[in-house]
């Protein structure tokens, strides 16, 4: 039985949800998120809006895949409600000699130790805000998946090095430092 799925998702103040054409649309003060309900795996659950909450139930309680999608869909709905009301943010920083980031228009420019600057287009629906120093930045958006994917794409530009301790880090990320080669 899904622990995540058995609790209905309560809609916060100022958030509304509507199901039309097999798409759950969640609207709030920060924007609108659409969740398709007709995909292969999402078709294994029923989504119903009751008063001020969204209830997700499996179509077949005995089917393992249906029960798995029950929890997944509930978490997706919960993320959509949280995103349109509060939003999501990923804080990142860079560590290394000469490493820095800057935002110009809808492009994020990273100087990460390569012979050229890495220019990344910021996806629609996201914003990148610079921190106190040129090595810190925050990615904000209402879609949890999109925020995480863009942050991962940035993280992969220069993964943290366990020997030298430099790279692009998530705020709070710890890497286990390794000892270098002995002579």
Protein backbone atom coordinates (compact mmCIF):
# COMPACT_ATOMS: atom_id res chain seq x y z
CA UNK A 1 0.00 0.00 0.00
CA UNK A 2 1.31 3.44 -0.89
CA UNK A 3 2.07 5.64 2.08
CA UNK A 4 2.38 8.71 -0.14
CA UNK A 5 -0.80 7.99 -2.08
CA UNK A 6 -3.25 7.28 0.73
CA UNK A 7 -3.37 10.92 1.88
CA UNK A 8 -5.28 13.38 -0.32
CA UNK A 9 -3.53 16.54 -1.50
CA UNK A 10 -5.06 19.60 0.13
CA UNK A 11 -5.27 22.71 -2.03
CA UNK A 12 -3.76 25.77 -0.35
CA UNK A 13 -5.46 29.17 -0.25
CA UNK A 14 -5.48 30.77 -3.68
CA UNK A 15 -4.84 27.47 -5.49
CA UNK A 16 -7.43 25.84 -7.74
CA UNK A 17 -7.40 22.57 -9.66
CA UNK A 18 -9.42 21.55 -12.73
CA UNK A 19 -9.51 18.32 -14.75
CA UNK A 20 -10.28 18.77 -18.45
CA UNK A 21 -9.33 16.59 -21.45
CA UNK A 22 -7.32 14.20 -19.23
CA UNK A 23 -5.11 17.04 -17.98
CA UNK A 24 -5.01 18.23 -14.38
CA UNK A 25 -4.43 21.99 -14.37
CA UNK A 26 -3.31 23.53 -11.08
CA UNK A 27 -3.43 27.35 -10.92
CA UNK A 28 -2.04 29.54 -8.19
CA UNK A 29 -0.49 32.93 -7.51
CA UNK A 30 2.86 32.01 -9.14
CA UNK A 31 1.44 30.45 -12.30
CA UNK A 32 -0.06 27.27 -13.71
CA UNK A 33 1.16 23.67 -13.96
CA UNK A 34 -0.41 21.00 -16.20
CA UNK A 35 -0.17 17.28 -15.40
CA UNK A 36 -1.24 14.87 -18.18
CA UNK A 37 -3.45 12.04 -16.91
CA UNK A 38 -3.63 10.01 -20.13
CA UNK A 39 -0.05 8.76 -20.39
CA UNK A 40 0.62 5.02 -20.17
CA UNK A 41 1.45 4.94 -16.45
CA UNK A 42 -0.78 7.83 -15.37
CA UNK A 43 -3.75 5.91 -16.84
CA UNK A 44 -3.40 3.38 -14.01
CA UNK A 45 -4.85 5.79 -11.42
CA UNK A 46 -8.01 7.83 -11.00
CA UNK A 47 -7.69 11.50 -10.06
CA UNK A 48 -10.75 13.22 -8.56
CA UNK A 49 -11.19 16.72 -7.15
CA UNK A 50 -13.32 16.79 -3.98
CA UNK A 51 -14.07 20.22 -2.44
CA UNK A 52 -10.62 21.57 -1.49
CA UNK A 53 -8.50 18.48 -2.11
CA UNK A 54 -7.28 16.20 -4.90
CA UNK A 55 -7.73 12.46 -4.32
CA UNK A 56 -5.71 9.88 -6.26
CA UNK A 57 -6.75 6.21 -6.17
CA UNK A 58 -5.41 3.17 -8.04
CA UNK A 59 -7.68 1.62 -10.66
CA UNK A 60 -6.56 -1.89 -9.69
CA UNK A 61 -5.42 -2.22 -6.05
CA UNK A 62 -3.89 -5.65 -6.75
CA UNK A 63 -1.66 -4.51 -9.64
CA UNK A 64 1.87 -3.62 -8.51
CA UNK A 65 2.40 -1.00 -11.23
CA UNK A 66 -0.93 0.63 -10.45
CA UNK A 67 -0.02 0.91 -6.77
CA UNK A 68 3.39 2.34 -7.66
CA UNK A 69 1.81 4.99 -9.89
CA UNK A 70 -0.65 5.82 -7.10
CA UNK A 71 2.17 7.20 -4.94
CA UNK A 72 4.00 8.77 -7.87
CA UNK A 73 0.95 10.64 -9.16
CA UNK A 74 0.08 11.84 -5.65
CA UNK A 75 3.60 13.24 -5.26
CA UNK A 76 3.39 14.90 -8.68
CA UNK A 77 0.10 16.58 -7.73
CA UNK A 78 1.56 17.65 -4.37
CA UNK A 79 4.60 19.13 -6.16
CA UNK A 80 2.34 21.02 -8.58
CA UNK A 81 0.31 22.51 -5.70
CA UNK A 82 3.48 23.51 -3.84
CA UNK A 83 5.03 24.94 -7.01
CA UNK A 84 2.16 27.27 -7.91
CA UNK A 85 1.83 28.51 -4.34
CA UNK A 86 5.42 28.72 -3.03
CA UNK A 87 7.69 27.73 -5.93
CA UNK A 88 10.89 25.68 -5.93
CA UNK A 89 14.51 26.81 -5.69
CA UNK A 90 17.92 25.16 -6.02
CA UNK A 91 20.90 27.00 -4.63
CA UNK A 92 24.27 26.32 -6.25
CA UNK A 93 27.81 27.62 -5.98
CA UNK A 94 31.10 27.24 -7.81
CA UNK A 95 34.49 26.62 -6.27
CA UNK A 96 37.77 26.99 -8.13
CA UNK A 97 40.29 29.57 -9.33
CA UNK A 98 38.60 31.94 -11.77
CA UNK A 99 35.20 30.22 -11.57
CA UNK A 100 32.22 32.56 -11.82
CA UNK A 101 28.72 32.79 -13.22
CA UNK A 102 26.66 35.61 -14.69
CA UNK A 103 23.19 36.07 -16.16
CA UNK A 104 22.65 38.10 -19.33
CA UNK A 105 19.09 38.13 -20.61
CA UNK A 106 17.87 34.54 -20.77
CA UNK A 107 21.37 33.04 -20.83
CA UNK A 108 23.52 31.75 -17.98
CA UNK A 109 27.25 32.20 -18.63
CA UNK A 110 29.59 29.92 -16.65
CA UNK A 111 33.33 30.37 -16.46
CA UNK A 112 34.38 26.94 -15.19
CA UNK A 113 38.00 26.40 -16.10
CA UNK A 114 37.50 25.56 -19.77
CA UNK A 115 39.14 27.41 -22.66
CA UNK A 116 35.73 28.92 -23.46
CA UNK A 117 32.75 30.19 -21.46
CA UNK A 118 29.84 27.77 -21.17
CA UNK A 119 26.66 29.55 -22.28
CA UNK A 120 23.38 27.88 -21.31
CA UNK A 121 19.91 29.03 -22.30
CA UNK A 122 17.59 29.37 -19.29
CA UNK A 123 14.39 27.38 -20.01
CA UNK A 124 11.04 29.18 -20.13
CA UNK A 125 9.39 29.16 -16.71
CA UNK A 126 12.69 29.36 -14.81
CA UNK A 127 14.72 32.26 -13.50
CA UNK A 128 18.30 32.41 -12.31
CA UNK A 129 19.20 34.93 -9.65
CA UNK A 130 22.79 35.72 -8.69
CA UNK A 131 23.82 35.45 -5.04
CA UNK A 132 26.07 37.61 -2.90
CA UNK A 133 29.21 36.60 -4.78
CA UNK A 134 29.71 35.90 -8.51
CA UNK A 135 30.11 32.20 -7.70
CA UNK A 136 26.65 31.75 -6.12
CA UNK A 137 23.31 31.55 -7.92
CA UNK A 138 19.75 30.37 -7.31
CA UNK A 139 17.48 28.63 -9.84
CA UNK A 140 13.77 29.32 -9.25
CA UNK A 141 10.61 28.01 -10.89
CA UNK A 142 7.18 26.47 -10.34
CA UNK A 143 7.90 23.10 -11.98
CA UNK A 144 9.95 20.90 -9.64
CA UNK A 145 11.09 18.61 -12.43
CA UNK A 146 12.26 21.46 -14.66
CA UNK A 147 14.17 23.15 -11.82
CA UNK A 148 15.92 19.88 -10.95
CA UNK A 149 16.78 19.04 -14.57
CA UNK A 150 18.31 22.45 -15.25
CA UNK A 151 20.27 22.34 -11.99
CA UNK A 152 21.59 18.88 -12.93
CA UNK A 153 22.59 20.13 -16.37
CA UNK A 154 24.58 22.94 -14.74
CA UNK A 155 26.07 20.50 -12.20
CA UNK A 156 27.36 18.30 -15.03
CA UNK A 157 29.29 21.18 -16.63
CA UNK A 158 31.99 20.71 -13.98
CA UNK A 159 31.28 17.94 -11.49
CA UNK A 160 32.86 18.29 -8.03
CA UNK A 161 36.38 16.89 -7.99
CA UNK A 162 37.12 14.78 -4.88
CA UNK A 163 40.90 15.38 -5.19
CA UNK A 164 41.07 19.14 -5.66
CA UNK A 165 37.69 20.08 -4.15
CA UNK A 166 36.62 22.30 -7.01
CA UNK A 167 33.61 22.24 -9.32
CA UNK A 168 29.94 23.23 -9.31
CA UNK A 169 28.12 22.26 -6.11
CA UNK A 170 24.57 22.21 -4.78
CA UNK A 171 24.26 24.22 -1.58
CA UNK A 172 24.79 21.79 1.28
CA UNK A 173 26.39 19.11 -0.92
CA UNK A 174 29.37 17.44 0.65
CA UNK A 175 31.92 15.47 -1.29
CA UNK A 176 34.30 13.06 0.32
CA UNK A 177 37.78 14.42 -0.23
CA UNK A 178 40.39 11.91 -1.35
CA UNK A 179 44.09 11.91 -0.70
CA UNK A 180 46.28 12.45 -3.75
CA UNK A 181 48.95 10.16 -5.09
CA UNK A 182 51.93 9.65 -2.81
CA UNK A 183 55.48 9.99 -4.08
